[in-house]
Protein backbone atom coordinates (compact mmCIF):
# COMPACT_ATOMS: atom_id res chain seq x y z
CA UNK A 1 -50.32 5.70 35.46
CA UNK A 2 -54.04 6.59 35.64
CA UNK A 3 -53.22 10.27 36.20
CA UNK A 4 -50.90 10.19 33.19
CA UNK A 5 -53.63 8.66 31.04
CA UNK A 6 -56.00 11.41 32.17
CA UNK A 7 -53.48 14.11 31.19
CA UNK A 8 -52.96 12.45 27.80
CA UNK A 9 -56.69 12.55 27.14
CA UNK A 10 -57.25 16.06 28.54
CA UNK A 11 -54.45 17.92 26.75
CA UNK A 12 -53.78 15.81 23.64
CA UNK A 13 -57.07 14.02 23.11
CA UNK A 14 -55.35 10.63 22.87
CA UNK A 15 -56.48 7.45 24.57
CA UNK A 16 -53.35 5.39 23.89
CA UNK A 17 -49.61 5.83 23.50
CA UNK A 18 -47.35 5.23 20.53
CA UNK A 19 -44.72 2.47 20.90
CA UNK A 20 -42.23 3.12 23.76
CA UNK A 21 -43.87 6.39 24.87
CA UNK A 22 -45.45 4.91 28.00
CA UNK A 23 -42.26 3.12 29.08
CA UNK A 24 -40.16 6.25 28.54
CA UNK A 25 -42.59 8.43 30.49
CA UNK A 26 -42.64 5.90 33.34
CA UNK A 27 -38.81 5.96 33.46
CA UNK A 28 -38.80 9.76 33.68
CA UNK A 29 -41.48 9.84 36.37
CA UNK A 30 -39.44 7.34 38.39
CA UNK A 31 -36.63 9.90 38.41
CA UNK A 32 -34.35 7.95 36.06
CA UNK A 33 -31.98 9.53 33.55
CA UNK A 34 -33.27 8.36 30.18
CA UNK A 35 -32.08 8.13 26.57
CA UNK A 36 -34.87 7.85 23.99
CA UNK A 37 -34.16 7.10 20.33
CA UNK A 38 -37.37 7.36 18.34
CA UNK A 39 -37.85 7.74 14.61
CA UNK A 40 -39.20 10.99 13.20
CA UNK A 41 -42.93 11.04 13.81
CA UNK A 42 -42.63 8.65 16.74
CA UNK A 43 -43.82 11.18 19.32
CA UNK A 44 -40.61 12.21 21.11
CA UNK A 45 -41.91 15.54 22.40
CA UNK A 46 -44.74 13.93 24.37
CA UNK A 47 -42.11 12.03 26.38
CA UNK A 48 -41.12 15.23 28.20
CA UNK A 49 -44.21 17.39 27.73
CA UNK A 50 -46.55 15.03 29.55
CA UNK A 51 -44.14 14.45 32.49
CA UNK A 52 -43.76 18.23 32.73
CA UNK A 53 -47.47 18.50 33.51
CA UNK A 54 -47.44 15.57 35.93
CA UNK A 55 -44.35 16.70 37.86
CA UNK A 56 -45.31 20.36 38.18
CA UNK A 57 -42.56 22.92 38.75
CA UNK A 58 -40.45 23.72 35.69
CA UNK A 59 -39.19 21.55 32.84
CA UNK A 60 -36.22 22.83 30.83
CA UNK A 61 -35.99 21.81 27.18
CA UNK A 62 -32.69 22.37 25.37
CA UNK A 63 -33.30 22.72 21.64
CA UNK A 64 -31.00 23.78 18.76
CA UNK A 65 -33.34 25.90 16.64
CA UNK A 66 -35.47 28.93 17.46
CA UNK A 67 -38.04 27.94 14.83
CA UNK A 68 -38.35 24.50 16.40
CA UNK A 69 -38.89 26.06 19.84
CA UNK A 70 -41.49 28.49 18.49
CA UNK A 71 -43.55 25.74 16.87
CA UNK A 72 -43.63 23.72 20.07
CA UNK A 73 -44.42 26.72 22.27
CA UNK A 74 -47.31 27.71 19.99
CA UNK A 75 -48.67 24.16 20.04
CA UNK A 76 -48.40 23.85 23.84
CA UNK A 77 -50.05 27.20 24.47
CA UNK A 78 -52.95 26.23 22.20
CA UNK A 79 -53.40 23.13 24.36
CA UNK A 80 -53.55 25.25 27.49
CA UNK A 81 -50.03 24.39 28.67
CA UNK A 82 -47.95 27.35 29.86
CA UNK A 83 -44.72 27.35 27.82
CA UNK A 84 -42.20 29.89 26.57
CA UNK A 85 -38.91 30.05 24.69
CA UNK A 86 -36.11 32.20 26.09
CA UNK A 87 -33.98 33.09 23.07
CA UNK A 88 -31.73 35.81 21.71
CA UNK A 89 -34.52 36.82 19.32
CA UNK A 90 -36.58 38.28 22.19
CA UNK A 91 -36.67 41.95 23.12
CA UNK A 92 -35.57 43.12 26.57
CA UNK A 93 -39.21 43.50 27.60
CA UNK A 94 -40.08 39.97 26.41
CA UNK A 95 -37.17 38.46 28.33
CA UNK A 96 -38.18 40.40 31.44
CA UNK A 97 -41.73 39.07 31.14
CA UNK A 98 -40.50 35.47 30.95
CA UNK A 99 -38.33 36.00 34.03
CA UNK A 100 -41.36 37.35 35.85
CA UNK A 101 -43.39 34.29 34.86
CA UNK A 102 -40.58 32.05 36.07
CA UNK A 103 -40.40 33.75 39.45
CA UNK A 104 -44.19 33.40 39.78
CA UNK A 105 -44.00 29.69 38.90
CA UNK A 106 -46.36 30.44 36.00
CA UNK A 107 -44.51 28.37 33.36
CA UNK A 108 -44.43 24.61 33.08
CA UNK A 109 -42.01 24.30 30.14
CA UNK A 110 -39.16 26.62 29.18
CA UNK A 111 -37.29 26.13 25.89
CA UNK A 112 -33.65 27.26 25.76
CA UNK A 113 -30.77 27.16 23.32
CA UNK A 114 -27.67 25.35 24.66
CA UNK A 115 -25.79 28.68 24.72
CA UNK A 116 -28.50 30.45 26.71
CA UNK A 117 -28.76 27.61 29.23
CA UNK A 118 -25.04 27.94 30.01
CA UNK A 119 -24.98 31.68 30.71
CA UNK A 120 -23.88 32.09 34.37
CA UNK A 121 -26.47 34.73 35.26
CA UNK A 122 -29.30 32.66 33.80
CA UNK A 123 -28.05 29.50 35.52
CA UNK A 124 -28.27 31.40 38.81
CA UNK A 125 -31.88 32.31 38.00
CA UNK A 126 -32.68 28.66 37.23
CA UNK A 127 -31.04 27.49 40.45
CA UNK A 128 -33.67 29.38 42.43
CA UNK A 129 -36.55 27.69 40.59
CA UNK A 130 -38.29 24.35 41.05
CA UNK A 131 -36.64 22.54 38.13
CA UNK A 132 -38.19 19.06 38.00
CA UNK A 133 -37.02 17.75 34.60
CA UNK A 134 -34.41 18.54 31.95
CA UNK A 135 -34.87 17.44 28.33
CA UNK A 136 -32.15 17.63 25.68
CA UNK A 137 -33.72 17.46 22.23
CA UNK A 138 -31.74 16.52 19.09
CA UNK A 139 -29.23 14.97 21.49
CA UNK A 140 -27.10 13.52 18.67
CA UNK A 141 -25.68 17.05 18.36
CA UNK A 142 -23.60 16.39 21.47
CA UNK A 143 -21.56 13.61 19.88
CA UNK A 144 -18.60 14.09 17.57
CA UNK A 145 -19.66 10.77 16.05
CA UNK A 146 -23.09 12.20 15.22
CA UNK A 147 -23.98 13.78 11.89
CA UNK A 148 -24.68 17.28 13.22
CA UNK A 149 -22.10 17.82 15.97
CA UNK A 150 -22.43 21.18 17.73
CA UNK A 151 -19.64 22.10 20.16
CA UNK A 152 -22.00 24.18 22.33
CA UNK A 153 -23.84 20.96 23.25
CA UNK A 154 -20.68 19.67 24.95
CA UNK A 155 -21.22 22.03 27.89
CA UNK A 156 -24.63 20.66 28.79
CA UNK A 157 -23.15 18.26 31.34
CA UNK A 158 -22.99 21.35 33.60
CA UNK A 159 -26.77 21.19 33.85
CA UNK A 160 -26.54 17.71 35.30
CA UNK A 161 -23.93 18.87 37.79
CA UNK A 162 -26.01 21.92 38.72
CA UNK A 163 -29.17 19.80 39.15
CA UNK A 164 -27.80 16.37 40.18
CA UNK A 165 -31.12 15.03 41.49
CA UNK A 166 -33.22 16.17 38.53
CA UNK A 167 -33.85 13.47 35.90
CA UNK A 168 -32.53 14.25 32.41
CA UNK A 169 -33.99 12.83 29.23
CA UNK A 170 -31.99 12.92 25.99
CA UNK A 171 -33.97 12.48 22.77
CA UNK A 172 -33.10 12.08 19.11
CA UNK A 173 -34.38 10.35 15.99
CA UNK A 174 -31.00 9.20 14.67
CA UNK A 175 -28.19 7.66 16.70
CA UNK A 176 -25.96 4.66 16.10
CA UNK A 177 -24.98 2.53 19.13
CA UNK A 178 -21.70 4.46 19.28
CA UNK A 179 -23.51 7.81 19.35
CA UNK A 180 -25.96 6.60 21.99
CA UNK A 181 -23.11 5.68 24.31
CA UNK A 182 -21.44 9.04 23.65
CA UNK A 183 -24.66 10.94 24.48
CA UNK A 184 -24.84 9.32 27.93
CA UNK A 185 -21.15 9.91 28.57
CA UNK A 186 -21.07 13.53 27.45
CA UNK A 187 -24.20 14.49 29.41
CA UNK A 188 -22.92 12.76 32.55
CA UNK A 189 -26.03 10.61 32.88
CA UNK A 190 -26.30 8.29 35.85
CA UNK A 191 -27.07 4.67 34.89
CA UNK A 192 -29.60 5.79 32.26
CA UNK A 193 -32.49 3.73 30.94
CA UNK A 194 -32.18 3.45 27.17
CA UNK A 195 -35.13 3.01 24.85
CA UNK A 196 -34.52 2.45 21.15
CA UNK A 197 -37.56 2.34 18.90
CA UNK A 198 -37.56 0.75 15.49
CA UNK A 199 -35.96 2.75 12.70
CA UNK A 200 -38.14 0.95 10.18
CA UNK A 201 -40.50 3.40 8.48
CA UNK A 202 -42.63 0.77 6.78
CA UNK A 203 -44.58 3.26 4.64
CA UNK A 204 -41.49 4.72 2.93
CA UNK A 205 -40.25 3.44 -0.42
CA UNK A 206 -36.51 3.92 -0.99
CA UNK A 207 -34.98 4.32 -4.44
CA UNK A 208 -31.55 5.34 -5.81
CA UNK A 209 -31.27 6.47 -9.43
CA UNK A 210 -28.27 7.49 -11.57
CA UNK A 211 -27.85 11.25 -11.67
CA UNK A 212 -28.08 11.71 -15.42
CA UNK A 213 -30.53 14.12 -17.06
CA UNK A 214 -31.45 15.07 -13.52
CA UNK A 215 -33.99 17.82 -14.28
CA UNK A 216 -36.11 15.65 -16.64
CA UNK A 217 -35.90 12.84 -14.08
CA UNK A 218 -37.06 15.16 -11.30
CA UNK A 219 -39.92 16.40 -13.48
CA UNK A 220 -41.02 12.79 -13.99
CA UNK A 221 -41.12 12.26 -10.22
CA UNK A 222 -43.03 15.50 -9.68
CA UNK A 223 -45.56 14.59 -12.35
CA UNK A 224 -46.36 11.45 -10.35
CA UNK A 225 -47.00 13.60 -7.26
CA UNK A 226 -48.65 16.63 -8.84
CA UNK A 227 -50.05 19.02 -6.22
CA UNK A 228 -48.75 16.80 -3.42
CA UNK A 229 -46.30 18.28 -0.87
CA UNK A 230 -42.65 17.35 -1.32
CA UNK A 231 -39.10 18.41 -0.45
CA UNK A 232 -36.12 18.43 -2.82
CA UNK A 233 -32.82 18.60 -0.92
CA UNK A 234 -29.83 20.23 -2.60
CA UNK A 235 -26.21 20.62 -1.50
CA UNK A 236 -25.83 24.37 -2.05
CA UNK A 237 -27.84 27.54 -1.60
CA UNK A 238 -27.39 28.41 -5.26
CA UNK A 239 -28.72 25.03 -6.37
CA UNK A 240 -31.95 25.55 -4.43
CA UNK A 241 -32.48 28.92 -6.14
CA UNK A 242 -31.64 27.63 -9.62
CA UNK A 243 -33.71 24.47 -9.31
CA UNK A 244 -36.82 26.16 -7.90
CA UNK A 245 -36.62 28.72 -10.72
CA UNK A 246 -36.32 25.90 -13.28
CA UNK A 247 -39.32 24.07 -11.83
CA UNK A 248 -41.44 27.22 -11.98
CA UNK A 249 -40.68 27.41 -15.72
CA UNK A 250 -42.40 24.05 -16.09
CA UNK A 251 -45.47 25.22 -14.21
CA UNK A 252 -44.66 23.85 -10.75
CA UNK A 253 -45.08 25.99 -7.65
CA UNK A 254 -41.69 25.77 -6.01
CA UNK A 255 -39.71 27.96 -3.60
CA UNK A 256 -36.14 27.90 -2.33
CA UNK A 257 -35.15 27.67 1.33
CA UNK A 258 -31.63 28.07 2.71
CA UNK A 259 -29.73 29.72 5.52
CA UNK A 260 -28.70 32.65 3.31
CA UNK A 261 -32.25 33.97 3.16
CA UNK A 262 -33.43 36.48 5.73
CA UNK A 263 -35.27 35.14 8.76
CA UNK A 264 -38.47 36.80 7.54
CA UNK A 265 -38.26 35.16 4.10
CA UNK A 266 -37.48 31.73 5.59
CA UNK A 267 -40.47 31.98 7.91
CA UNK A 268 -42.70 33.01 4.99
CA UNK A 269 -41.53 30.08 2.82
CA UNK A 270 -41.99 27.63 5.67
CA UNK A 271 -45.47 28.97 6.42
CA UNK A 272 -46.54 28.65 2.77
CA UNK A 273 -45.37 25.05 2.68
CA UNK A 274 -46.94 24.04 5.99
CA UNK A 275 -50.28 25.62 5.02
CA UNK A 276 -50.35 24.05 1.52
CA UNK A 277 -49.91 27.27 -0.43
CA UNK A 278 -46.69 26.02 -2.06
CA UNK A 279 -46.29 22.25 -2.58
CA UNK A 280 -42.56 22.06 -3.43
CA UNK A 281 -39.59 23.29 -1.41
CA UNK A 282 -36.07 23.12 -2.86
CA UNK A 283 -33.94 23.31 0.25
CA UNK A 284 -30.58 22.81 1.86
CA UNK A 285 -30.39 20.82 5.08
CA UNK A 286 -31.35 24.04 6.90
CA UNK A 287 -34.97 23.09 6.18
CA UNK A 288 -36.94 20.41 7.91
CA UNK A 289 -36.01 20.10 11.57
CA UNK A 290 -39.18 20.60 13.55
CA UNK A 291 -41.42 20.89 10.48
CA UNK A 292 -44.60 19.25 11.66
CA UNK A 293 -46.22 18.54 8.29
CA UNK A 294 -47.57 15.00 8.24
CA UNK A 295 -48.53 14.70 4.55
CA UNK A 296 -45.19 15.16 2.76
CA UNK A 297 -45.53 12.55 0.01
CA UNK A 298 -41.97 12.53 -1.31
CA UNK A 299 -38.43 13.58 -0.43
CA UNK A 300 -35.90 13.82 -3.25
CA UNK A 301 -32.17 14.12 -2.57
CA UNK A 302 -31.02 15.92 -5.68
CA UNK A 303 -27.46 15.81 -4.32
CA UNK A 304 -25.73 13.15 -2.24
CA UNK A 305 -25.98 13.49 1.57
CA UNK A 306 -22.69 13.13 3.47
CA UNK A 307 -23.99 10.71 6.10
CA UNK A 308 -26.57 7.98 6.56
CA UNK A 309 -27.84 9.80 9.67
CA UNK A 310 -28.68 13.01 7.82
CA UNK A 311 -30.18 11.04 4.92
CA UNK A 312 -32.38 9.02 7.28
CA UNK A 313 -33.48 12.11 9.20
CA UNK A 314 -34.34 14.01 6.02
CA UNK A 315 -36.24 11.12 4.43
CA UNK A 316 -38.09 10.81 7.74
CA UNK A 317 -39.92 14.03 6.92
CA UNK A 318 -41.95 12.07 4.36
CA UNK A 319 -45.07 10.17 5.31
CA UNK A 320 -45.37 11.12 8.95
CA UNK A 321 -49.09 10.43 8.63
CA UNK A 322 -48.27 6.77 7.98
CA UNK A 323 -49.38 6.84 4.34
CA UNK A 324 -47.23 5.59 1.45
CA UNK A 325 -44.47 8.04 0.51
CA UNK A 326 -41.41 8.01 -1.73
CA UNK A 327 -37.73 8.73 -1.02
CA UNK A 328 -35.54 9.11 -4.13
CA UNK A 329 -31.79 9.76 -4.12
CA UNK A 330 -29.91 10.93 -7.22
CA UNK A 331 -26.46 9.28 -7.20
CA UNK A 332 -23.31 10.20 -9.09
CA UNK A 333 -19.81 8.77 -8.40
CA UNK A 334 -18.36 12.12 -9.50
CA UNK A 335 -20.24 13.76 -6.66
CA UNK A 336 -18.55 11.37 -4.22
CA UNK A 337 -15.15 12.56 -5.43
CA UNK A 338 -16.22 16.16 -4.90
CA UNK A 339 -17.38 15.47 -1.34
CA UNK A 340 -14.19 13.58 -0.54
CA UNK A 341 -12.21 16.58 -1.73
CA UNK A 342 -14.25 18.89 0.51
CA UNK A 343 -13.60 16.63 3.50
CA UNK A 344 -9.88 16.33 2.70
CA UNK A 345 -9.58 20.12 2.87
CA UNK A 346 -11.55 20.44 6.09
CA UNK A 347 -9.54 22.18 8.82
CA UNK A 348 -11.24 20.38 11.72
CA UNK A 349 -8.40 17.93 12.26
CA UNK A 350 -7.32 14.50 11.07
CA UNK A 351 -9.64 12.53 13.38
CA UNK A 352 -12.68 14.49 12.20
CA UNK A 353 -11.71 13.98 8.55
CA UNK A 354 -11.31 10.23 9.05
CA UNK A 355 -14.71 10.03 10.71
CA UNK A 356 -16.34 12.07 7.95
CA UNK A 357 -14.78 9.91 5.23
CA UNK A 358 -15.96 6.74 7.00
CA UNK A 359 -19.50 8.10 7.13
CA UNK A 360 -19.35 9.09 3.46
CA UNK A 361 -18.19 5.57 2.57
CA UNK A 362 -21.24 4.16 4.38
CA UNK A 363 -23.45 6.52 2.37
CA UNK A 364 -21.82 5.33 -0.85
CA UNK A 365 -22.35 1.74 0.29
CA UNK A 366 -26.07 2.44 0.62
CA UNK A 367 -26.18 3.83 -2.92
CA UNK A 368 -24.23 0.97 -4.46
CA UNK A 369 -25.65 -2.00 -2.56
CA UNK A 370 -27.48 -4.59 -4.62
CA UNK A 371 -29.27 -5.84 -1.50
CA UNK A 372 -32.28 -4.47 0.34
CA UNK A 373 -31.78 -0.76 1.06
CA UNK A 374 -34.09 -0.88 4.08
CA UNK A 375 -31.99 -3.68 5.58
CA UNK A 376 -28.83 -1.61 4.98
CA UNK A 377 -30.30 1.43 6.77
CA UNK A 378 -31.62 -0.52 9.73
CA UNK A 379 -28.42 -2.49 10.26
CA UNK A 380 -26.45 0.77 10.18
CA UNK A 381 -28.42 1.87 13.23
CA UNK A 382 -27.90 -1.47 14.95
CA UNK A 383 -31.36 -2.89 14.22
CA UNK A 384 -31.66 -6.45 12.96
CA UNK A 385 -33.90 -6.86 9.92
CA UNK A 386 -34.52 -10.52 9.16
CA UNK A 387 -36.77 -10.01 6.13
CA UNK A 388 -34.75 -10.58 2.96
CA UNK A 389 -37.12 -8.67 0.66
CA UNK A 390 -38.82 -5.55 1.99
CA UNK A 391 -40.88 -5.12 -1.22
CA UNK A 392 -40.51 -1.35 -0.76
CA UNK A 393 -37.10 -0.46 -2.19
CA UNK A 394 -35.91 -0.44 -5.77
CA UNK A 395 -33.52 -3.36 -5.27
CA UNK A 396 -36.22 -5.59 -3.82
CA UNK A 397 -38.84 -4.51 -6.35
CA UNK A 398 -36.51 -4.48 -9.35
CA UNK A 399 -33.49 -6.76 -8.90
CA UNK A 400 -30.20 -5.80 -10.64
CA UNK A 401 -27.35 -4.32 -13.42
CA UNK A 402 -26.77 -9.53 -12.86
CA UNK A 403 -29.66 -10.51 -10.39
CA UNK A 404 -32.15 -10.34 -13.24
CA UNK A 405 -29.96 -12.55 -15.45
CA UNK A 406 -29.57 -15.18 -12.74
CA UNK A 407 -33.31 -15.08 -12.01
CA UNK A 408 -34.08 -15.84 -15.66
CA UNK A 409 -31.64 -18.76 -15.64
CA UNK A 410 -33.18 -20.21 -12.49
CA UNK A 411 -36.62 -19.72 -14.00
CA UNK A 412 -35.55 -21.65 -17.12
CA UNK A 413 -34.14 -24.44 -14.93
CA UNK A 414 -37.40 -24.55 -12.98
CA UNK A 415 -39.41 -24.88 -16.21
CA UNK A 416 -37.19 -27.70 -17.46
CA UNK A 417 -37.51 -29.59 -14.16
CA UNK A 418 -41.28 -29.01 -14.04
CA UNK A 419 -41.77 -30.40 -17.56
CA UNK A 420 -39.62 -33.42 -16.71
CA UNK A 421 -41.53 -34.09 -13.48
CA UNK A 422 -44.94 -33.30 -14.98
CA UNK A 423 -45.83 -30.76 -12.30
CA UNK A 424 -46.59 -27.00 -12.32
CA UNK A 425 -43.46 -24.85 -12.14
CA UNK A 426 -44.70 -23.06 -9.03
CA UNK A 427 -44.76 -26.42 -7.22
CA UNK A 428 -40.98 -26.43 -7.39
CA UNK A 429 -40.26 -22.86 -6.27
CA UNK A 430 -42.27 -19.63 -6.57
CA UNK A 431 -40.98 -16.55 -8.37
CA UNK A 432 -40.44 -14.93 -4.96
CA UNK A 433 -38.12 -17.78 -3.98
CA UNK A 434 -36.20 -17.53 -7.26
CA UNK A 435 -35.79 -13.76 -6.91
CA UNK A 436 -34.41 -14.20 -3.42
CA UNK A 437 -32.00 -16.87 -4.69
CA UNK A 438 -30.86 -14.55 -7.48
CA UNK A 439 -30.25 -11.72 -5.04
CA UNK A 440 -28.62 -13.61 -2.14
CA UNK A 441 -26.86 -16.27 -4.30
CA UNK A 442 -26.65 -19.12 -1.77
CA UNK A 443 -23.68 -21.44 -2.27
CA UNK A 444 -24.53 -24.30 0.08
CA UNK A 445 -27.62 -26.25 1.22
CA UNK A 446 -27.73 -24.45 4.57
CA UNK A 447 -27.92 -21.01 2.91
CA UNK A 448 -30.43 -22.22 0.34
CA UNK A 449 -32.57 -23.60 3.14
CA UNK A 450 -32.97 -20.08 4.54
CA UNK A 451 -34.68 -18.88 1.36
CA UNK A 452 -38.41 -18.19 1.48
CA UNK A 453 -40.38 -21.26 0.38
CA UNK A 454 -37.46 -23.72 0.53
CA UNK A 455 -38.42 -26.46 2.99
CA UNK A 456 -36.42 -29.62 3.79
CA UNK A 457 -38.25 -31.74 1.19
CA UNK A 458 -37.76 -29.28 -1.67
CA UNK A 459 -34.20 -28.64 -0.53
CA UNK A 460 -33.36 -32.31 -0.84
CA UNK A 461 -35.21 -32.88 -4.11
CA UNK A 462 -34.49 -29.69 -6.08
CA UNK A 463 -31.72 -27.97 -4.13
CA UNK A 464 -28.64 -29.61 -5.74
CA UNK A 465 -29.66 -28.57 -9.27
CA UNK A 466 -30.33 -24.95 -8.27
CA UNK A 467 -27.11 -24.69 -6.25
CA UNK A 468 -25.18 -26.04 -9.25
CA UNK A 469 -26.78 -23.41 -11.51
CA UNK A 470 -25.91 -20.63 -9.08
CA UNK A 471 -22.29 -21.81 -8.75
CA UNK A 472 -21.95 -22.00 -12.53
CA UNK A 473 -23.28 -18.45 -12.87
CA UNK A 474 -20.90 -17.12 -10.23
CA UNK A 475 -17.92 -18.80 -11.93
CA UNK A 476 -18.85 -17.17 -15.23
CA UNK A 477 -19.03 -13.77 -13.53
CA UNK A 478 -15.79 -14.32 -11.63
CA UNK A 479 -17.56 -13.98 -8.29
């Protein structure tokens, strides 16, 4: 891998890889089909860009958005790597120039939309070229179980049949185990190597708040992040317009972004945000994919997302520089009823509606859980999270509507026992231990023994009294 390290240093200026990057690149260079699941900001693009340089010939990258392709092409060209995007937005002369570069073997990386890559005449052109690697970005789009299913992605298995000996790498930031299996199946991958990075963004603080007096609440959040970049996600185009206008009345620089705006206006808004000329974007989900802005300090979901996947992906646009950032979701049960009604009237078929309702129920579960929100998110994606208190979500930092009451009771019991034994209260159990007891509510010695700070000696000496207090509390509450 010495040559790979040299390329990393020469073109990117890095001397080391992020987690999983080196293993993924090695798999690709060994000619293996590969599935890479890496959180936003984890460095997915390097996993095909660097092999493209090492392998020579041509690497095809299938990507869903023209703006995303453009950003990557601009970045690669600035690094001295010959890249282009072949899209419907090009003029006839521009397309002809790219074909000329392809025939001259002058391009290393070619970005394509899934539709363009399937056009018979263009496939014939590609068949005559030295295609060495195929990358499918945002690969969750191929799965009906994914949060952003796109039917045109279903045809991409033809690429694997057309180039059976060319390794294919599928990449995405968000995929449950079910979606990962579907990606491999739909693309026709051959015994793929699968790499799943951690979904735990340790610098993000998660919080869910009741959606009452939402504008004043949003203003409070913005006042805590004045002049810092942030995104406010809204459900509708109209909401983005209305909310950005309202924020401007209060002296905040805010612009709307949605698919109903002209391409020119969208590009202008995006440019202003990326270059720090406007700190706040009120946007639909049309905004964010491929936005390489590392210092977004907060993401607010003004309206409820329909899936955990989309919520996780959108919050992942905060704190890509690794610094502390905030993710706040405004929650209203009435909004859930509205979304359920929208899904019930969807014409996509009964199976699709059932899947969408299941995903919405998981989203509601996240909002209503009294446990650690980080643990909920990670377990949704199949990642075990053994820490009981992440100290970076509202539930862990501020225990609940009953957890608080039980904590105070346990604290009073601790004080009584400490006075009786003539020892400091903290020698019995710390506040952290009591908070964890109040949140997890153990009912037997084995469960209590799993609590932070509860060793065998303390379990035997103090455990029975605390378990009795917890059982009494649960009986009172009918739990």
